[in-house]
């Protein structure tokens, strides 16, 4: 990110999942005339989500906020649990009357 100028206000990063927005990163004010790296950690959330970038304007035009190079690391979904037929040779061997594996 690059946040430079006398009237910088705020940069917020939100995650929207299931209609709920969660603030995961926020920074306010002049951070100097250089590019910096910011890191935000995603909460455990649904497999579908939106990243919302919110820049809040300062009192004048004498400041700017810029972003570049978004990167998502170690992103994966847990594999589904196997059904009984995949877990054992006889699909009924370890199954309750409710049809759940035990």
N, C-alpha and C. Protein backbone atom coordinates (compact mmCIF):
# COMPACT_ATOMS: atom_id res chain seq x y z
N UNK A 1 0.84 -1.18 0.00
CA UNK A 1 0.00 0.00 0.00
C UNK A 1 0.88 1.24 0.00
N UNK A 2 0.30 2.34 -0.41
CA UNK A 2 0.97 3.64 -0.42
C UNK A 2 -0.04 4.65 0.09
N UNK A 3 0.25 5.25 1.23
CA UNK A 3 -0.65 6.25 1.82
C UNK A 3 0.19 7.48 2.15
N UNK A 4 0.06 8.49 1.31
CA UNK A 4 0.94 9.65 1.44
C UNK A 4 0.15 10.94 1.28
N UNK A 5 0.41 11.89 2.15
CA UNK A 5 -0.18 13.22 2.05
C UNK A 5 -0.66 13.71 3.40
N UNK A 6 -0.88 15.01 3.46
CA UNK A 6 -1.26 15.64 4.72
C UNK A 6 -2.68 15.30 5.16
N UNK A 7 -3.54 14.96 4.21
CA UNK A 7 -4.96 14.76 4.58
C UNK A 7 -5.44 13.33 4.31
N UNK A 8 -4.56 12.37 4.49
CA UNK A 8 -4.97 10.96 4.36
C UNK A 8 -5.91 10.64 5.51
N UNK A 9 -6.93 9.87 5.22
CA UNK A 9 -7.82 9.43 6.29
C UNK A 9 -7.57 7.95 6.57
N UNK A 10 -8.43 7.05 6.07
CA UNK A 10 -8.37 5.65 6.49
C UNK A 10 -8.49 4.69 5.32
N UNK A 11 -7.77 3.58 5.42
CA UNK A 11 -7.89 2.47 4.49
C UNK A 11 -8.37 1.27 5.30
N UNK A 12 -9.49 0.69 4.91
CA UNK A 12 -10.06 -0.48 5.59
C UNK A 12 -10.18 -1.64 4.61
N UNK A 13 -9.94 -2.85 5.11
CA UNK A 13 -10.17 -4.08 4.35
C UNK A 13 -11.19 -4.91 5.14
N UNK A 14 -12.28 -5.26 4.47
CA UNK A 14 -13.35 -6.06 5.08
C UNK A 14 -13.48 -7.37 4.31
N UNK A 15 -14.01 -8.37 4.98
CA UNK A 15 -14.44 -9.62 4.35
C UNK A 15 -15.96 -9.68 4.48
N UNK A 16 -16.65 -9.94 3.37
CA UNK A 16 -18.10 -10.11 3.41
C UNK A 16 -18.40 -11.58 3.15
N UNK A 17 -19.03 -12.21 4.12
CA UNK A 17 -19.41 -13.62 4.01
C UNK A 17 -20.77 -13.80 4.65
N UNK A 18 -21.68 -14.41 3.90
CA UNK A 18 -23.03 -14.62 4.44
C UNK A 18 -23.75 -13.33 4.76
N UNK A 19 -23.45 -12.27 4.02
CA UNK A 19 -24.11 -10.99 4.24
C UNK A 19 -23.57 -10.20 5.42
N UNK A 20 -22.50 -10.66 6.04
CA UNK A 20 -21.92 -9.97 7.20
C UNK A 20 -20.52 -9.48 6.84
N UNK A 21 -20.27 -8.21 7.12
CA UNK A 21 -18.95 -7.63 6.87
C UNK A 21 -18.11 -7.67 8.14
N UNK A 22 -16.86 -8.10 8.00
CA UNK A 22 -15.93 -8.16 9.13
C UNK A 22 -14.68 -7.37 8.76
N UNK A 23 -14.34 -6.38 9.57
CA UNK A 23 -13.13 -5.60 9.36
C UNK A 23 -11.93 -6.45 9.75
N UNK A 24 -10.99 -6.65 8.80
CA UNK A 24 -9.82 -7.47 9.11
C UNK A 24 -8.51 -6.68 9.10
N UNK A 25 -8.55 -5.44 8.60
CA UNK A 25 -7.32 -4.63 8.56
C UNK A 25 -7.72 -3.17 8.41
N UNK A 26 -7.03 -2.28 9.10
CA UNK A 26 -7.32 -0.85 9.01
C UNK A 26 -6.06 -0.06 9.33
N UNK A 27 -5.89 1.05 8.61
CA UNK A 27 -4.74 1.92 8.84
C UNK A 27 -5.18 3.36 8.57
N UNK A 28 -4.65 4.27 9.34
CA UNK A 28 -5.07 5.66 9.24
C UNK A 28 -3.87 6.58 9.18
N UNK A 29 -4.00 7.64 8.40
CA UNK A 29 -2.99 8.69 8.38
C UNK A 29 -1.85 8.48 7.40
N UNK A 30 -1.02 9.51 7.31
CA UNK A 30 0.13 9.54 6.40
C UNK A 30 1.14 8.47 6.81
N UNK A 31 1.51 7.60 5.87
CA UNK A 31 2.47 6.53 6.13
C UNK A 31 3.81 6.77 5.41
N UNK A 32 3.98 7.97 4.86
CA UNK A 32 5.22 8.29 4.17
C UNK A 32 5.14 8.01 2.68
N UNK A 33 6.09 8.59 1.95
CA UNK A 33 6.11 8.47 0.48
C UNK A 33 6.88 7.22 0.05
N UNK A 34 6.38 6.07 0.45
CA UNK A 34 6.98 4.80 0.04
C UNK A 34 5.93 3.69 0.06
N UNK A 35 6.19 2.66 -0.75
CA UNK A 35 5.32 1.49 -0.77
C UNK A 35 5.64 0.63 0.45
N UNK A 36 4.59 0.12 1.08
CA UNK A 36 4.73 -0.74 2.25
C UNK A 36 3.91 -2.01 2.06
N UNK A 37 4.26 -3.03 2.81
CA UNK A 37 3.50 -4.28 2.75
C UNK A 37 2.59 -4.38 3.96
N UNK A 38 1.35 -4.72 3.71
CA UNK A 38 0.39 -4.96 4.78
C UNK A 38 -0.06 -6.41 4.73
N UNK A 39 -0.32 -6.98 5.88
CA UNK A 39 -0.78 -8.37 5.95
C UNK A 39 -2.05 -8.43 6.77
N UNK A 40 -3.05 -9.09 6.21
CA UNK A 40 -4.33 -9.29 6.91
C UNK A 40 -4.60 -10.78 6.93
N UNK A 41 -5.10 -11.27 8.04
CA UNK A 41 -5.40 -12.69 8.18
C UNK A 41 -6.91 -12.88 8.07
N UNK A 42 -7.30 -13.79 7.18
CA UNK A 42 -8.71 -14.06 6.98
C UNK A 42 -9.26 -14.90 8.12
N UNK A 43 -10.43 -14.53 8.61
CA UNK A 43 -11.05 -15.39 9.62
C UNK A 43 -11.57 -16.65 8.94
N UNK A 44 -11.87 -17.67 9.73
CA UNK A 44 -12.51 -18.84 9.17
C UNK A 44 -13.86 -18.41 8.64
N UNK A 45 -14.10 -18.68 7.38
CA UNK A 45 -15.34 -18.20 6.77
C UNK A 45 -15.80 -19.18 5.71
N UNK A 46 -16.95 -18.90 5.17
CA UNK A 46 -17.50 -19.74 4.11
C UNK A 46 -16.55 -19.78 2.92
N UNK A 47 -16.72 -20.76 2.07
CA UNK A 47 -15.83 -20.89 0.92
C UNK A 47 -16.04 -19.76 -0.08
N UNK A 48 -17.17 -19.09 -0.01
CA UNK A 48 -17.42 -17.95 -0.88
C UNK A 48 -17.45 -16.68 -0.04
N UNK A 49 -16.62 -15.71 -0.43
CA UNK A 49 -16.58 -14.44 0.29
C UNK A 49 -16.11 -13.36 -0.66
N UNK A 50 -16.33 -12.11 -0.28
CA UNK A 50 -15.87 -10.96 -1.03
C UNK A 50 -14.87 -10.19 -0.17
N UNK A 51 -13.86 -9.64 -0.83
CA UNK A 51 -12.93 -8.73 -0.18
C UNK A 51 -13.38 -7.32 -0.53
N UNK A 52 -13.60 -6.49 0.47
CA UNK A 52 -14.06 -5.12 0.26
C UNK A 52 -12.94 -4.17 0.70
N UNK A 53 -12.51 -3.34 -0.22
CA UNK A 53 -11.49 -2.33 0.05
C UNK A 53 -12.20 -1.00 0.17
N UNK A 54 -12.03 -0.35 1.30
CA UNK A 54 -12.70 0.93 1.56
C UNK A 54 -11.65 2.00 1.85
N UNK A 55 -11.63 3.02 1.03
CA UNK A 55 -10.78 4.17 1.26
C UNK A 55 -11.65 5.33 1.70
N UNK A 56 -11.38 5.87 2.86
CA UNK A 56 -12.16 7.00 3.38
C UNK A 56 -11.38 8.28 3.13
N UNK A 57 -12.02 9.17 2.41
CA UNK A 57 -11.39 10.42 1.97
C UNK A 57 -11.09 11.34 3.15
N UNK A 58 -9.97 12.05 3.04
CA UNK A 58 -9.62 13.05 4.04
C UNK A 58 -10.32 14.37 3.76
N UNK A 59 -9.85 15.43 4.39
CA UNK A 59 -10.50 16.73 4.30
C UNK A 59 -10.14 17.51 3.05
N UNK A 60 -9.13 17.05 2.30
CA UNK A 60 -8.70 17.79 1.12
C UNK A 60 -8.15 16.81 0.08
N UNK A 61 -7.67 17.34 -1.03
CA UNK A 61 -7.12 16.53 -2.11
C UNK A 61 -5.62 16.28 -1.94
N UNK A 62 -5.03 16.69 -0.83
CA UNK A 62 -3.58 16.60 -0.65
C UNK A 62 -3.15 15.27 -0.01
N UNK A 63 -3.68 14.21 -0.51
CA UNK A 63 -3.28 12.89 -0.03
C UNK A 63 -3.81 11.83 -0.98
N UNK A 64 -3.14 10.66 -1.00
CA UNK A 64 -3.61 9.58 -1.86
C UNK A 64 -3.38 8.24 -1.17
N UNK A 65 -4.22 7.30 -1.55
CA UNK A 65 -4.10 5.92 -1.10
C UNK A 65 -4.05 5.06 -2.36
N UNK A 66 -3.06 4.16 -2.44
CA UNK A 66 -2.94 3.27 -3.59
C UNK A 66 -2.65 1.85 -3.09
N UNK A 67 -3.14 0.86 -3.82
CA UNK A 67 -2.91 -0.55 -3.49
C UNK A 67 -2.41 -1.28 -4.72
N UNK A 68 -1.61 -2.31 -4.49
CA UNK A 68 -1.08 -3.10 -5.59
C UNK A 68 -0.73 -4.49 -5.05
N UNK A 69 -0.74 -5.48 -5.94
CA UNK A 69 -0.26 -6.83 -5.64
C UNK A 69 -0.97 -7.51 -4.48
N UNK A 70 -2.27 -7.74 -4.61
CA UNK A 70 -2.98 -8.55 -3.63
C UNK A 70 -2.55 -10.00 -3.82
N UNK A 71 -2.34 -10.70 -2.72
CA UNK A 71 -1.92 -12.09 -2.79
C UNK A 71 -2.64 -12.88 -1.70
N UNK A 72 -3.15 -14.04 -2.07
CA UNK A 72 -3.79 -14.94 -1.12
C UNK A 72 -2.91 -16.18 -1.00
N UNK A 73 -2.50 -16.51 0.22
CA UNK A 73 -1.61 -17.63 0.44
C UNK A 73 -2.27 -18.65 1.36
N UNK A 74 -1.90 -19.90 1.18
CA UNK A 74 -2.40 -21.00 2.00
C UNK A 74 -3.92 -21.05 2.01
N UNK A 75 -4.51 -20.89 0.84
CA UNK A 75 -5.96 -20.93 0.71
C UNK A 75 -6.38 -22.34 0.28
N UNK A 76 -7.23 -22.95 1.02
CA UNK A 76 -7.73 -24.27 0.65
C UNK A 76 -9.02 -24.54 1.41
N UNK A 77 -9.76 -25.49 0.91
CA UNK A 77 -10.95 -25.96 1.59
C UNK A 77 -10.65 -27.33 2.15
N UNK A 78 -11.20 -27.61 3.32
CA UNK A 78 -11.06 -28.95 3.90
C UNK A 78 -11.73 -29.95 2.97
N UNK A 79 -11.08 -31.08 2.68
CA UNK A 79 -11.74 -32.07 1.84
C UNK A 79 -12.94 -32.66 2.58
N UNK A 80 -13.99 -33.04 1.85
CA UNK A 80 -15.16 -33.61 2.52
C UNK A 80 -14.80 -34.96 3.15
N UNK A 81 -15.49 -35.27 4.25
CA UNK A 81 -15.27 -36.56 4.89
C UNK A 81 -15.77 -37.66 3.97
N UNK A 82 -15.10 -38.80 3.95
CA UNK A 82 -15.55 -39.88 3.07
C UNK A 82 -16.86 -40.48 3.57
N UNK A 83 -17.65 -40.96 2.63
CA UNK A 83 -18.85 -41.67 3.03
C UNK A 83 -18.43 -43.07 3.46
N UNK A 84 -19.27 -43.76 4.14
CA UNK A 84 -18.90 -45.07 4.68
C UNK A 84 -18.41 -46.02 3.59
N UNK A 85 -19.03 -46.00 2.42
CA UNK A 85 -18.63 -46.90 1.35
C UNK A 85 -17.19 -46.64 0.93
N UNK A 86 -16.73 -45.40 1.04
CA UNK A 86 -15.34 -45.09 0.68
C UNK A 86 -14.39 -45.42 1.83
N UNK A 87 -14.90 -45.37 3.05
CA UNK A 87 -14.05 -45.55 4.22
C UNK A 87 -13.75 -47.01 4.50
N UNK A 88 -14.69 -47.89 4.23
CA UNK A 88 -14.52 -49.32 4.52
C UNK A 88 -15.05 -50.14 3.36
N UNK A 89 -14.70 -51.44 3.35
CA UNK A 89 -15.15 -52.30 2.27
C UNK A 89 -16.65 -52.52 2.27
N UNK A 90 -17.26 -52.78 3.43
CA UNK A 90 -18.71 -52.99 3.54
C UNK A 90 -19.34 -51.68 3.99
N UNK A 91 -20.16 -51.02 3.15
CA UNK A 91 -20.71 -49.72 3.51
C UNK A 91 -21.62 -49.76 4.73
N UNK A 92 -22.13 -50.89 5.13
CA UNK A 92 -23.02 -50.97 6.29
C UNK A 92 -22.29 -51.38 7.56
N UNK A 93 -21.02 -51.70 7.46
CA UNK A 93 -20.28 -52.24 8.58
C UNK A 93 -20.22 -51.27 9.77
N UNK A 94 -20.01 -50.00 9.52
CA UNK A 94 -19.90 -49.02 10.60
C UNK A 94 -20.94 -47.92 10.43
N UNK A 95 -22.20 -48.29 10.17
CA UNK A 95 -23.24 -47.30 9.91
C UNK A 95 -24.37 -47.46 10.93
N UNK A 96 -24.81 -46.33 11.51
CA UNK A 96 -25.96 -46.32 12.40
C UNK A 96 -27.25 -46.41 11.59
N UNK A 97 -28.38 -46.59 12.28
CA UNK A 97 -29.67 -46.58 11.59
C UNK A 97 -29.92 -45.22 10.94
N UNK A 98 -29.30 -44.17 11.49
CA UNK A 98 -29.46 -42.83 10.92
C UNK A 98 -28.68 -42.66 9.63
N UNK A 99 -27.93 -43.70 9.24
CA UNK A 99 -27.10 -43.72 8.03
C UNK A 99 -25.82 -42.89 8.18
N UNK A 100 -25.45 -42.52 9.40
CA UNK A 100 -24.19 -41.81 9.63
C UNK A 100 -23.10 -42.82 9.96
N UNK A 101 -21.89 -42.54 9.52
CA UNK A 101 -20.76 -43.41 9.83
C UNK A 101 -20.40 -43.28 11.30
N UNK A 102 -19.94 -44.38 11.87
CA UNK A 102 -19.45 -44.35 13.25
C UNK A 102 -18.03 -44.88 13.28
